[in-house]
């Protein structure tokens, strides 16, 4: 019996044996683009969380102003002329009622009764200090319109509007959200609350 040598299999070309350097580079580019997209999504999510937090704090602080106005009803609801008051920084910046701006702190003056205007000024100043810590560069405006008619028989109660504006940093998801491409109101949101003290 004659034995034959086994047939040698044909060799495959080198290109089919593994990945080439070009294929590896293309895969790295695709993975890098995906990772950059994920990083951008994280930045936008973090910015959105911060923005939502600031807006929530603005709502809480506006409610604090409304609560102080309800507590100081003897001043706010019995006004005979329209009152516009501006609060910024750690104090009352201006008011159409000069007594509200120059009101003294009743807690440091011994044996002196606190008038309604002084109590309202004290409460607004306390809230202004709180606002400055949670919303830097804010501006709060309180506009009140007095009631019509005599107080027990008045047909319309005093109505007030609390407007709170502040600046916030926002990260844009695309070029349309970049500052300058959108209105300035996007960077300075406004919170408005209507109350009857």
Protein backbone atom coordinates (compact mmCIF):
# COMPACT_ATOMS: atom_id res chain seq x y z
CA UNK A 1 0.00 0.00 0.00
CA UNK A 2 1.20 3.35 -0.97
CA UNK A 3 0.47 6.19 1.33
CA UNK A 4 -0.12 9.60 -0.08
CA UNK A 5 0.94 12.73 1.66
CA UNK A 6 -1.98 14.81 2.95
CA UNK A 7 -2.95 17.77 0.83
CA UNK A 8 -1.73 21.06 2.17
CA UNK A 9 -4.53 23.57 2.65
CA UNK A 10 -4.21 26.76 0.72
CA UNK A 11 -3.04 29.66 2.86
CA UNK A 12 -5.46 32.51 3.48
CA UNK A 13 -4.35 36.03 2.68
CA UNK A 14 -3.11 38.18 5.61
CA UNK A 15 -5.96 40.68 5.30
CA UNK A 16 -8.55 38.11 6.35
CA UNK A 17 -6.57 36.97 9.40
CA UNK A 18 -7.46 39.95 11.66
CA UNK A 19 -8.30 43.66 11.90
CA UNK A 20 -6.25 46.16 10.03
CA UNK A 21 -5.05 49.38 11.61
CA UNK A 22 -7.60 51.42 9.63
CA UNK A 23 -10.51 49.38 11.00
CA UNK A 24 -9.24 49.86 14.57
CA UNK A 25 -8.91 53.63 14.04
CA UNK A 26 -12.46 53.88 12.66
CA UNK A 27 -13.79 51.93 15.66
CA UNK A 28 -11.93 54.26 18.05
CA UNK A 29 -13.37 57.34 16.33
CA UNK A 30 -16.92 55.98 16.59
CA UNK A 31 -16.47 55.13 20.29
CA UNK A 32 -14.93 58.59 20.96
CA UNK A 33 -17.87 60.37 19.35
CA UNK A 34 -20.27 58.31 21.46
CA UNK A 35 -18.36 59.13 24.65
CA UNK A 36 -18.36 62.86 23.80
CA UNK A 37 -22.13 62.69 23.32
CA UNK A 38 -22.56 61.03 26.70
CA UNK A 39 -20.37 63.70 28.34
CA UNK A 40 -22.48 66.46 26.75
CA UNK A 41 -25.68 64.81 27.98
CA UNK A 42 -24.23 64.68 31.50
CA UNK A 43 -23.36 68.39 31.36
CA UNK A 44 -26.85 69.32 30.16
CA UNK A 45 -28.46 67.11 32.82
CA UNK A 46 -26.36 68.68 35.57
CA UNK A 47 -27.18 72.19 34.33
CA UNK A 48 -30.88 71.35 34.15
CA UNK A 49 -30.81 70.06 37.71
CA UNK A 50 -29.16 73.28 38.90
CA UNK A 51 -31.66 75.41 36.97
CA UNK A 52 -34.61 73.48 38.40
CA UNK A 53 -33.16 73.89 41.89
CA UNK A 54 -32.85 77.68 41.46
CA UNK A 55 -36.41 77.92 40.16
CA UNK A 56 -37.68 75.89 43.09
CA UNK A 57 -35.82 78.18 45.51
CA UNK A 58 -37.31 81.22 43.76
CA UNK A 59 -40.81 79.83 44.28
CA UNK A 60 -40.08 79.18 47.96
CA UNK A 61 -38.66 82.67 48.48
CA UNK A 62 -41.63 84.31 46.71
CA UNK A 63 -43.90 82.32 49.02
CA UNK A 64 -41.85 83.64 51.97
CA UNK A 65 -42.46 87.21 50.82
CA UNK A 66 -46.19 86.42 50.48
CA UNK A 67 -46.27 84.92 53.98
CA UNK A 68 -44.55 87.99 55.42
CA UNK A 69 -47.08 90.21 53.65
CA UNK A 70 -49.94 88.16 55.13
CA UNK A 71 -48.34 88.50 58.57
CA UNK A 72 -47.95 92.27 58.06
CA UNK A 73 -51.54 92.69 56.87
CA UNK A 74 -51.90 95.87 58.94
CA UNK A 75 -49.49 97.57 56.50
CA UNK A 76 -50.00 95.86 53.13
CA UNK A 77 -53.79 95.47 53.01
CA UNK A 78 -54.65 98.92 54.39
CA UNK A 79 -52.55 100.94 51.94
CA UNK A 80 -54.37 103.97 50.56
CA UNK A 81 -52.04 104.54 47.58
CA UNK A 82 -50.29 102.14 45.21
CA UNK A 83 -47.01 100.84 46.63
CA UNK A 84 -44.07 99.65 44.54
CA UNK A 85 -41.13 98.25 46.48
CA UNK A 86 -37.85 96.91 45.11
CA UNK A 87 -35.68 94.50 47.08
CA UNK A 88 -32.16 93.55 46.00
CA UNK A 89 -28.99 92.58 47.77
CA UNK A 90 -29.48 92.39 51.52
CA UNK A 91 -31.89 95.32 51.85
CA UNK A 92 -34.85 97.21 50.47
CA UNK A 93 -33.47 99.12 47.46
CA UNK A 94 -36.38 101.51 46.99
CA UNK A 95 -40.07 102.09 47.58
CA UNK A 96 -42.77 104.60 46.80
CA UNK A 97 -43.35 104.61 50.58
CA UNK A 98 -40.23 106.21 52.11
CA UNK A 99 -41.13 104.84 55.55
CA UNK A 100 -40.61 101.31 54.25
CA UNK A 101 -37.02 102.04 53.16
CA UNK A 102 -35.99 103.94 56.28
CA UNK A 103 -37.78 101.70 58.77
CA UNK A 104 -35.76 100.99 61.89
CA UNK A 105 -35.29 97.53 63.32
CA UNK A 106 -37.82 97.17 66.14
CA UNK A 107 -35.87 94.36 67.79
CA UNK A 108 -32.93 96.62 68.74
CA UNK A 109 -34.91 99.62 70.04
CA UNK A 110 -35.97 98.93 73.63
CA UNK A 111 -39.45 99.75 74.94
CA UNK A 112 -40.71 101.14 71.65
CA UNK A 113 -43.79 99.75 69.91
CA UNK A 114 -43.25 98.55 66.39
CA UNK A 115 -45.46 100.29 63.83
CA UNK A 116 -46.88 98.28 60.90
CA UNK A 117 -44.54 99.96 58.41
CA UNK A 118 -41.49 99.20 60.58
CA UNK A 119 -42.56 95.58 60.97
CA UNK A 120 -43.06 95.24 57.20
CA UNK A 121 -39.61 96.78 56.59
CA UNK A 122 -38.01 94.43 59.12
CA UNK A 123 -39.61 91.36 57.54
CA UNK A 124 -38.63 92.39 54.00
CA UNK A 125 -35.05 93.03 55.08
CA UNK A 126 -34.87 89.60 56.72
CA UNK A 127 -36.17 87.97 53.54
CA UNK A 128 -33.71 90.00 51.44
CA UNK A 129 -30.79 88.54 53.40
CA UNK A 130 -32.14 85.04 52.79
CA UNK A 131 -32.71 85.75 49.09
CA UNK A 132 -29.17 87.00 48.61
CA UNK A 133 -27.72 83.74 49.90
CA UNK A 134 -29.81 81.44 47.67
CA UNK A 135 -30.25 83.59 44.53
CA UNK A 136 -27.26 85.86 43.93
CA UNK A 137 -27.95 88.91 41.74
CA UNK A 138 -31.71 88.72 42.21
CA UNK A 139 -34.28 91.52 41.99
CA UNK A 140 -37.66 91.33 43.73
CA UNK A 141 -40.40 93.84 42.97
CA UNK A 142 -43.61 94.09 44.99
CA UNK A 143 -46.42 96.11 43.44
CA UNK A 144 -49.64 96.61 45.41
CA UNK A 145 -52.86 98.26 44.30
CA UNK A 146 -55.12 99.40 47.17
CA UNK A 147 -58.68 98.26 47.64
CA UNK A 148 -61.64 100.21 46.33
CA UNK A 149 -64.13 101.46 48.91
CA UNK A 150 -64.12 101.57 52.69
CA UNK A 151 -62.35 98.57 54.31
CA UNK A 152 -65.22 96.46 55.69
CA UNK A 153 -67.46 97.27 52.73
CA UNK A 154 -64.66 97.44 50.13
CA UNK A 155 -65.67 95.87 46.86
CA UNK A 156 -62.17 94.90 45.76
CA UNK A 157 -59.38 93.77 48.12
CA UNK A 158 -55.81 94.96 47.88
CA UNK A 159 -53.94 92.96 45.25
CA UNK A 160 -50.19 92.60 45.08
CA UNK A 161 -47.80 91.18 42.51
CA UNK A 162 -44.45 89.73 43.55
CA UNK A 163 -41.99 89.55 40.64
CA UNK A 164 -38.69 87.78 41.24
CA UNK A 165 -35.91 87.76 38.62
CA UNK A 166 -32.41 86.29 38.86
CA UNK A 167 -29.58 85.17 36.61
CA UNK A 168 -28.69 81.58 36.00
CA UNK A 169 -26.02 79.70 34.10
CA UNK A 170 -27.29 77.27 31.50
CA UNK A 171 -25.51 74.69 29.36
CA UNK A 172 -26.84 74.43 25.83
CA UNK A 173 -27.41 71.06 24.19
CA UNK A 174 -26.78 72.53 20.72
CA UNK A 175 -25.73 75.75 19.02
CA UNK A 176 -29.27 77.16 19.23
CA UNK A 177 -29.03 77.29 23.02
CA UNK A 178 -25.81 79.32 23.11
CA UNK A 179 -26.01 82.80 24.68
CA UNK A 180 -26.69 85.36 21.98
CA UNK A 181 -28.65 82.90 19.84
CA UNK A 182 -31.59 82.95 22.26
CA UNK A 183 -33.33 85.86 23.99
CA UNK A 184 -31.80 87.23 27.18
CA UNK A 185 -34.90 86.08 29.08
CA UNK A 186 -33.51 82.56 28.95
CA UNK A 187 -30.62 83.61 31.18
CA UNK A 188 -32.74 85.80 33.50
CA UNK A 189 -35.92 83.88 34.36
CA UNK A 190 -38.84 85.55 36.10
CA UNK A 191 -41.19 84.16 38.74
CA UNK A 192 -44.46 86.02 39.31
CA UNK A 193 -46.90 85.49 42.18
CA UNK A 194 -50.24 87.26 42.71
CA UNK A 195 -51.54 87.59 46.25
CA UNK A 196 -54.14 89.40 48.35
CA UNK A 197 -52.54 90.22 51.70
